[in-house]
Amino acid sequence: MATRKCVPGYLLHKSRGVGKVVIHGKTHYLPGEYGSDKSKAEYERQIAEYLLKKDRPETVNVTINRLCVAFLEHAQSYYVKDGSVTAEVSAVRCSLRSLIELYGRQIVADFGPKKLILVRERMIARGWFRKTVNDSVKRIVRMLRWGVVQQWVPPDVLASCRELEPLKKGRCGEIPEGDAVEPVDIDRVEA
């Protein structure tokens, strides 16, 4: 009963003789006469849509910070193995750090590949290896893809960021490659 008080009511527009509903200060006039099945069905559809969006921020108002926090919460429940959170959650957190520092307070809809390049350059400036930088950018794009499904990220933001080419070996200037992984001694394997 208490939750019903939050739901906008089915109202009569006296001069027109039609139903209306006021959602977030905007009046929506319903088709058909007040009290008709068509009018009530449209009211129910609009209320269902309102309740669906009620706990979700509108796409235009979502900041990078808010998206990152929500994605980290998702990651903590998604990246679990044998009842424990995997190392991927820490990797996601590290990957998002440069993004948050540079663009945390900005709206997600204003994000794009040029800003993603600046995030990548911040990672490079920290001395990260090329593969680590590429993996981190992939994690950011994965977060954007998750955000599209949640309807927090405009699909064109994801599509444009996916076009960013990964850093290629030997074509990236001064970016460290990291040490080659040496094979393990046979004595250690047999031990």
C-alpha atoms as a PDB file:
ATOM      1  CA  MET A   1       0.000   0.000   0.000  1.00  0.00           C
ATOM      2  CA  ALA A   2       2.801   2.457   0.851  1.00  0.00           C
ATOM      3  CA  THR A   3       4.413   2.083  -2.592  1.00  0.00           C
ATOM      4  CA  ARG A   4       1.122   2.931  -4.324  1.00  0.00           C
ATOM      5  CA  LYS A   5       1.347   6.503  -2.943  1.00  0.00           C
ATOM      6  CA  CYS A   6       4.428   7.084  -5.155  1.00  0.00           C
ATOM      7  CA  VAL A   7       2.600   6.139  -8.353  1.00  0.00           C
ATOM      8  CA  PRO A   8       1.120   9.034 -10.371  1.00  0.00           C
ATOM      9  CA  GLY A   9      -2.660   8.856 -10.444  1.00  0.00           C
ATOM     10  CA  TYR A  10      -5.143   8.376 -13.275  1.00  0.00           C
ATOM     11  CA  LEU A  11      -6.720  11.828 -13.575  1.00  0.00           C
ATOM     12  CA  LEU A  12      -9.570  13.449 -15.477  1.00  0.00           C
ATOM     13  CA  HIS A  13      -8.982  16.419 -17.738  1.00  0.00           C
ATOM     14  CA  LYS A  14     -12.408  17.990 -17.284  1.00  0.00           C
ATOM     15  CA  SER A  15     -12.562  20.257 -20.333  1.00  0.00           C
ATOM     16  CA  ARG A  16     -11.444  17.526 -22.748  1.00  0.00           C
ATOM     17  CA  GLY A  17     -13.138  14.597 -21.034  1.00  0.00           C
ATOM     18  CA  VAL A  18     -10.001  12.463 -21.360  1.00  0.00           C
ATOM     19  CA  GLY A  19      -7.674  10.804 -18.896  1.00  0.00           C
ATOM     20  CA  LYS A  20      -4.281  12.192 -18.036  1.00  0.00           C
ATOM     21  CA  VAL A  21      -1.276  11.296 -15.928  1.00  0.00           C
ATOM     22  CA  VAL A  22       1.416  13.665 -14.649  1.00  0.00           C
ATOM     23  CA  ILE A  23       4.906  12.133 -14.580  1.00  0.00           C
ATOM     24  CA  HIS A  24       7.876  14.239 -13.439  1.00  0.00           C
ATOM     25  CA  GLY A  25       5.805  17.397 -13.888  1.00  0.00           C
ATOM     26  CA  LYS A  26       4.860  16.607 -17.488  1.00  0.00           C
ATOM     27  CA  THR A  27       1.197  15.968 -18.339  1.00  0.00           C
ATOM     28  CA  HIS A  28       0.490  13.030 -20.647  1.00  0.00           C
ATOM     29  CA  TYR A  29      -3.004  12.973 -22.182  1.00  0.00           C
ATOM     30  CA  LEU A  30      -4.368   9.475 -22.675  1.00  0.00           C
ATOM     31  CA  PRO A  31      -6.225   8.343 -25.800  1.00  0.00           C
ATOM     32  CA  GLY A  32      -9.989   7.699 -25.727  1.00  0.00           C
ATOM     33  CA  GLU A  33     -12.555   8.895 -23.226  1.00  0.00           C
ATOM     34  CA  TYR A  34     -11.833   9.051 -19.515  1.00  0.00           C
ATOM     35  CA  GLY A  35     -12.458   5.612 -17.991  1.00  0.00           C
ATOM     36  CA  SER A  36     -12.376   3.738 -21.317  1.00  0.00           C
ATOM     37  CA  ASP A  37     -10.371   0.522 -21.714  1.00  0.00           C
ATOM     38  CA  LYS A  38      -8.070   2.236 -24.215  1.00  0.00           C
ATOM     39  CA  SER A  39      -7.395   5.098 -21.806  1.00  0.00           C
ATOM     40  CA  LYS A  40      -6.768   2.791 -18.830  1.00  0.00           C
ATOM     41  CA  ALA A  41      -4.496   0.524 -20.903  1.00  0.00           C
ATOM     42  CA  GLU A  42      -2.334   3.495 -21.918  1.00  0.00           C
ATOM     43  CA  TYR A  43      -2.234   4.680 -18.306  1.00  0.00           C
ATOM     44  CA  GLU A  44      -1.046   1.227 -17.170  1.00  0.00           C
ATOM     45  CA  ARG A  45       1.624   1.185 -19.903  1.00  0.00           C
ATOM     46  CA  GLN A  46       2.951   4.599 -18.888  1.00  0.00           C
ATOM     47  CA  ILE A  47       2.962   3.664 -15.188  1.00  0.00           C
ATOM     48  CA  ALA A  48       4.813   0.411 -15.947  1.00  0.00           C
ATOM     49  CA  GLU A  49       7.413   2.383 -17.900  1.00  0.00           C
ATOM     50  CA  TYR A  50       7.642   4.945 -15.078  1.00  0.00           C
ATOM     51  CA  LEU A  51       8.212   2.224 -12.456  1.00  0.00           C
ATOM     52  CA  LEU A  52      10.807   0.533 -14.649  1.00  0.00           C
ATOM     53  CA  LYS A  53      12.786   3.776 -14.970  1.00  0.00           C
ATOM     54  CA  LYS A  54      12.197   4.938 -11.387  1.00  0.00           C
ATOM     55  CA  ASP A  55      15.260   3.202  -9.929  1.00  0.00           C
ATOM     56  CA  ARG A  56      17.388   3.837 -13.005  1.00  0.00           C
ATOM     57  CA  PRO A  57      18.939   7.202 -13.805  1.00  0.00           C
ATOM     58  CA  GLU A  58      18.093   8.743 -17.141  1.00  0.00           C
ATOM     59  CA  THR A  59      20.838   8.295 -19.741  1.00  0.00           C
ATOM     60  CA  VAL A  60      21.393  12.025 -20.078  1.00  0.00           C
ATOM     61  CA  ASN A  61      22.192  12.437 -16.367  1.00  0.00           C
ATOM     62  CA  VAL A  62      24.603   9.552 -15.817  1.00  0.00           C
ATOM     63  CA  THR A  63      28.144  10.614 -14.973  1.00  0.00           C
ATOM     64  CA  ILE A  64      31.251   8.529 -15.566  1.00  0.00           C
ATOM     65  CA  ASN A  65      31.633   8.206 -11.768  1.00  0.00           C
ATOM     66  CA  ARG A  66      28.128   6.807 -11.375  1.00  0.00           C
ATOM     67  CA  LEU A  67      28.604   4.363 -14.248  1.00  0.00           C
ATOM     68  CA  CYS A  68      31.930   3.164 -12.823  1.00  0.00           C
ATOM     69  CA  VAL A  69      30.481   2.591  -9.339  1.00  0.00           C
ATOM     70  CA  ALA A  70      27.539   0.643 -10.769  1.00  0.00           C
ATOM     71  CA  PHE A  71      29.831  -1.434 -12.993  1.00  0.00           C
ATOM     72  CA  LEU A  72      32.141  -2.245 -10.078  1.00  0.00           C
ATOM     73  CA  GLU A  73      29.136  -3.435  -8.066  1.00  0.00           C
ATOM     74  CA  HIS A  74      28.155  -5.614 -11.028  1.00  0.00           C
ATOM     75  CA  ALA A  75      31.730  -6.911 -11.375  1.00  0.00           C
ATOM     76  CA  GLN A  76      31.851  -7.949  -7.704  1.00  0.00           C
ATOM     77  CA  SER A  77      28.842 -10.183  -8.196  1.00  0.00           C
ATOM     78  CA  TYR A  78      29.700 -11.349 -11.728  1.00  0.00           C
ATOM     79  CA  TYR A  79      33.415 -12.179 -11.445  1.00  0.00           C
ATOM     80  CA  VAL A  80      33.109 -14.832  -8.748  1.00  0.00           C
ATOM     81  CA  LYS A  81      34.665 -18.291  -8.754  1.00  0.00           C
ATOM     82  CA  ASP A  82      34.125 -20.880  -6.022  1.00  0.00           C
ATOM     83  CA  GLY A  83      32.405 -18.263  -3.876  1.00  0.00           C
ATOM     84  CA  SER A  84      35.294 -15.779  -4.020  1.00  0.00           C
ATOM     85  CA  VAL A  85      35.718 -12.601  -6.035  1.00  0.00           C
ATOM     86  CA  THR A  86      38.333 -13.098  -8.756  1.00  0.00           C
ATOM     87  CA  ALA A  87      41.323 -10.888  -9.550  1.00  0.00           C
ATOM     88  CA  GLU A  88      39.361  -9.424 -12.483  1.00  0.00           C
ATOM     89  CA  VAL A  89      37.558  -7.085 -10.074  1.00  0.00           C
ATOM     90  CA  SER A  90      40.870  -5.515  -9.001  1.00  0.00           C
ATOM     91  CA  ALA A  91      41.924  -5.296 -12.638  1.00  0.00           C
ATOM     92  CA  VAL A  92      38.658  -3.509 -13.490  1.00  0.00           C
ATOM     93  CA  ARG A  93      39.165  -1.100 -10.577  1.00  0.00           C
ATOM     94  CA  CYS A  94      42.717  -0.254 -11.763  1.00  0.00           C
ATOM     95  CA  SER A  95      41.522   0.116 -15.357  1.00  0.00           C
ATOM     96  CA  LEU A  96      38.856   2.637 -14.344  1.00  0.00           C
ATOM     97  CA  ARG A  97      41.164   4.779 -12.169  1.00  0.00           C
ATOM     98  CA  SER A  98      42.545   6.941 -15.006  1.00  0.00           C
ATOM     99  CA  LEU A  99      39.067   7.300 -16.519  1.00  0.00           C
ATOM    100  CA  ILE A 100      37.645   8.525 -13.205  1.00  0.00           C
ATOM    101  CA  GLU A 101      40.532  10.943 -12.604  1.00  0.00           C
ATOM    102  CA  LEU A 102      40.138  12.591 -16.006  1.00  0.00           C
ATOM    103  CA  TYR A 103      36.394  12.432 -16.685  1.00  0.00           C
ATOM    104  CA  GLY A 104      34.602  11.221 -13.550  1.00  0.00           C
ATOM    105  CA  ARG A 105      32.268  14.199 -13.240  1.00  0.00           C
ATOM    106  CA  GLN A 106      31.414  14.393 -16.924  1.00  0.00           C
ATOM    107  CA  ILE A 107      28.275  12.975 -18.500  1.00  0.00           C
ATOM    108  CA  VAL A 108      28.686   9.580 -20.194  1.00  0.00           C
ATOM    109  CA  ALA A 109      26.901  10.830 -23.309  1.00  0.00           C
ATOM    110  CA  ASP A 110      29.789  13.305 -23.855  1.00  0.00           C
ATOM    111  CA  PHE A 111      32.441  10.558 -23.787  1.00  0.00           C
ATOM    112  CA  GLY A 112      34.062   9.306 -26.982  1.00  0.00           C
ATOM    113  CA  PRO A 113      37.210   7.893 -28.591  1.00  0.00           C
ATOM    114  CA  LYS A 114      39.266  11.120 -28.277  1.00  0.00           C
ATOM    115  CA  LYS A 115      38.713  11.108 -24.519  1.00  0.00           C
ATOM    116  CA  LEU A 116      39.464   7.385 -24.404  1.00  0.00           C
ATOM    117  CA  ILE A 117      42.790   8.119 -26.122  1.00  0.00           C
ATOM    118  CA  LEU A 118      43.603  10.634 -23.371  1.00  0.00           C
ATOM    119  CA  VAL A 119      42.743   8.003 -20.743  1.00  0.00           C
ATOM    120  CA  ARG A 120      45.057   5.571 -22.520  1.00  0.00           C
ATOM    121  CA  GLU A 121      47.820   8.212 -22.589  1.00  0.00           C
ATOM    122  CA  ARG A 122      47.418   8.653 -18.812  1.00  0.00           C
ATOM    123  CA  MET A 123      47.985   4.891 -18.406  1.00  0.00           C
ATOM    124  CA  ILE A 124      51.073   5.075 -20.628  1.00  0.00           C
ATOM    125  CA  ALA A 125      52.415   8.019 -18.602  1.00  0.00           C
ATOM    126  CA  ARG A 126      52.166   5.836 -15.495  1.00  0.00           C
ATOM    127  CA  GLY A 127      54.600   3.390 -17.092  1.00  0.00           C
ATOM    128  CA  TRP A 128      52.109   0.597 -17.761  1.00  0.00           C
ATOM    129  CA  PHE A 129      53.108  -2.075 -20.260  1.00  0.00           C
ATOM    130  CA  ARG A 130      51.497  -2.043 -23.710  1.00  0.00           C
ATOM    131  CA  LYS A 131      49.464  -5.208 -23.088  1.00  0.00           C
ATOM    132  CA  THR A 132      48.210  -3.889 -19.736  1.00  0.00           C
ATOM    133  CA  VAL A 133      47.100  -0.645 -21.383  1.00  0.00           C
ATOM    134  CA  ASN A 134      45.285  -2.542 -24.154  1.00  0.00           C
ATOM    135  CA  ASP A 135      43.581  -4.830 -21.625  1.00  0.00           C
ATOM    136  CA  SER A 136      42.520  -1.824 -19.539  1.00  0.00           C
ATOM    137  CA  VAL A 137      40.988  -0.076 -22.549  1.00  0.00           C
ATOM    138  CA  LYS A 138      39.095  -3.302 -23.327  1.00  0.00           C
ATOM    139  CA  ARG A 139      37.713  -3.292 -19.777  1.00  0.00           C
ATOM    140  CA  ILE A 140      36.503   0.297 -20.195  1.00  0.00           C
ATOM    141  CA  VAL A 141      34.781  -0.654 -23.453  1.00  0.00           C
ATOM    142  CA  ARG A 142      33.254  -3.684 -21.686  1.00  0.00           C
ATOM    143  CA  MET A 143      31.858  -1.330 -19.045  1.00  0.00           C
ATOM    144  CA  LEU A 144      30.373   0.864 -21.785  1.00  0.00           C
ATOM    145  CA  ARG A 145      28.762  -2.215 -23.370  1.00  0.00           C
ATOM    146  CA  TRP A 146      27.255  -3.151 -19.983  1.00  0.00           C
ATOM    147  CA  GLY A 147      26.060   0.452 -19.654  1.00  0.00           C
ATOM    148  CA  VAL A 148      24.284   0.266 -23.026  1.00  0.00           C
ATOM    149  CA  VAL A 149      22.351  -2.790 -21.816  1.00  0.00           C
ATOM    150  CA  GLN A 150      21.399  -0.870 -18.648  1.00  0.00           C
ATOM    151  CA  GLN A 151      20.323   2.031 -20.893  1.00  0.00           C
ATOM    152  CA  TRP A 152      22.792   4.364 -19.176  1.00  0.00           C
ATOM    153  CA  VAL A 153      25.161   4.721 -22.131  1.00  0.00           C
ATOM    154  CA  PRO A 154      24.039   5.885 -25.577  1.00  0.00           C
ATOM    155  CA  PRO A 155      24.858   3.146 -28.130  1.00  0.00           C
ATOM    156  CA  ASP A 156      26.797   5.594 -30.324  1.00  0.00           C
ATOM    157  CA  VAL A 157      29.270   6.192 -27.459  1.00  0.00           C
ATOM    158  CA  LEU A 158      30.025   2.465 -27.314  1.00  0.00           C
ATOM    159  CA  ALA A 159      30.216   2.127 -31.111  1.00  0.00           C
ATOM    160  CA  SER A 160      32.677   5.000 -31.464  1.00  0.00           C
ATOM    161  CA  CYS A 161      34.911   3.814 -28.595  1.00  0.00           C
ATOM    162  CA  ARG A 162      35.068   0.298 -30.058  1.00  0.00           C
ATOM    163  CA  GLU A 163      36.762   1.781 -33.125  1.00  0.00           C
ATOM    164  CA  LEU A 164      39.903   2.696 -31.157  1.00  0.00           C
ATOM    165  CA  GLU A 165      42.735   0.492 -32.392  1.00  0.00           C
ATOM    166  CA  PRO A 166      44.819  -1.293 -29.755  1.00  0.00           C
ATOM    167  CA  LEU A 167      48.460  -0.318 -29.371  1.00  0.00           C
ATOM    168  CA  LYS A 168      50.562  -2.439 -31.741  1.00  0.00           C
ATOM    169  CA  LYS A 169      53.855  -4.030 -30.798  1.00  0.00           C
ATOM    170  CA  GLY A 170      56.803  -2.028 -32.114  1.00  0.00           C
ATOM    171  CA  ARG A 171      54.613   0.832 -33.359  1.00  0.00           C
ATOM    172  CA  CYS A 172      53.955   2.685 -30.133  1.00  0.00           C
ATOM    173  CA  GLY A 173      57.131   4.612 -29.463  1.00  0.00           C
ATOM    174  CA  GLU A 174      58.401   4.502 -25.891  1.00  0.00           C
ATOM    175  CA  ILE A 175      55.793   2.188 -24.358  1.00  0.00           C
ATOM    176  CA  PRO A 176      57.451  -0.636 -22.417  1.00  0.00           C
ATOM    177  CA  GLU A 177      56.705  -4.145 -23.616  1.00  0.00           C
ATOM    178  CA  GLY A 178      57.403  -5.978 -20.398  1.00  0.00           C
ATOM    179  CA  ASP A 179      59.739  -8.885 -19.899  1.00  0.00           C
ATOM    180  CA  ALA A 180      59.341 -11.983 -22.008  1.00  0.00           C
ATOM    181  CA  VAL A 181      58.129 -14.969 -20.028  1.00  0.00           C
ATOM    182  CA  GLU A 182      60.900 -17.507 -19.811  1.00  0.00           C
ATOM    183  CA  PRO A 183      60.188 -21.240 -19.833  1.00  0.00           C
ATOM    184  CA  VAL A 184      60.281 -22.991 -16.465  1.00  0.00           C
ATOM    185  CA  ASP A 185      63.263 -25.232 -15.702  1.00  0.00           C
ATOM    186  CA  ILE A 186      62.451 -28.910 -16.145  1.00  0.00           C
ATOM    187  CA  ASP A 187      63.824 -29.581 -12.628  1.00  0.00           C
ATOM    188  CA  ARG A 188      61.124 -27.362 -11.101  1.00  0.00           C
ATOM    189  CA  VAL A 189      58.398 -29.006 -13.167  1.00  0.00           C
ATOM    190  CA  GLU A 190      59.482 -32.490 -12.097  1.00  0.00           C
ATOM    191  CA  ALA A 191      59.810 -31.430  -8.442  1.00  0.00           C
END
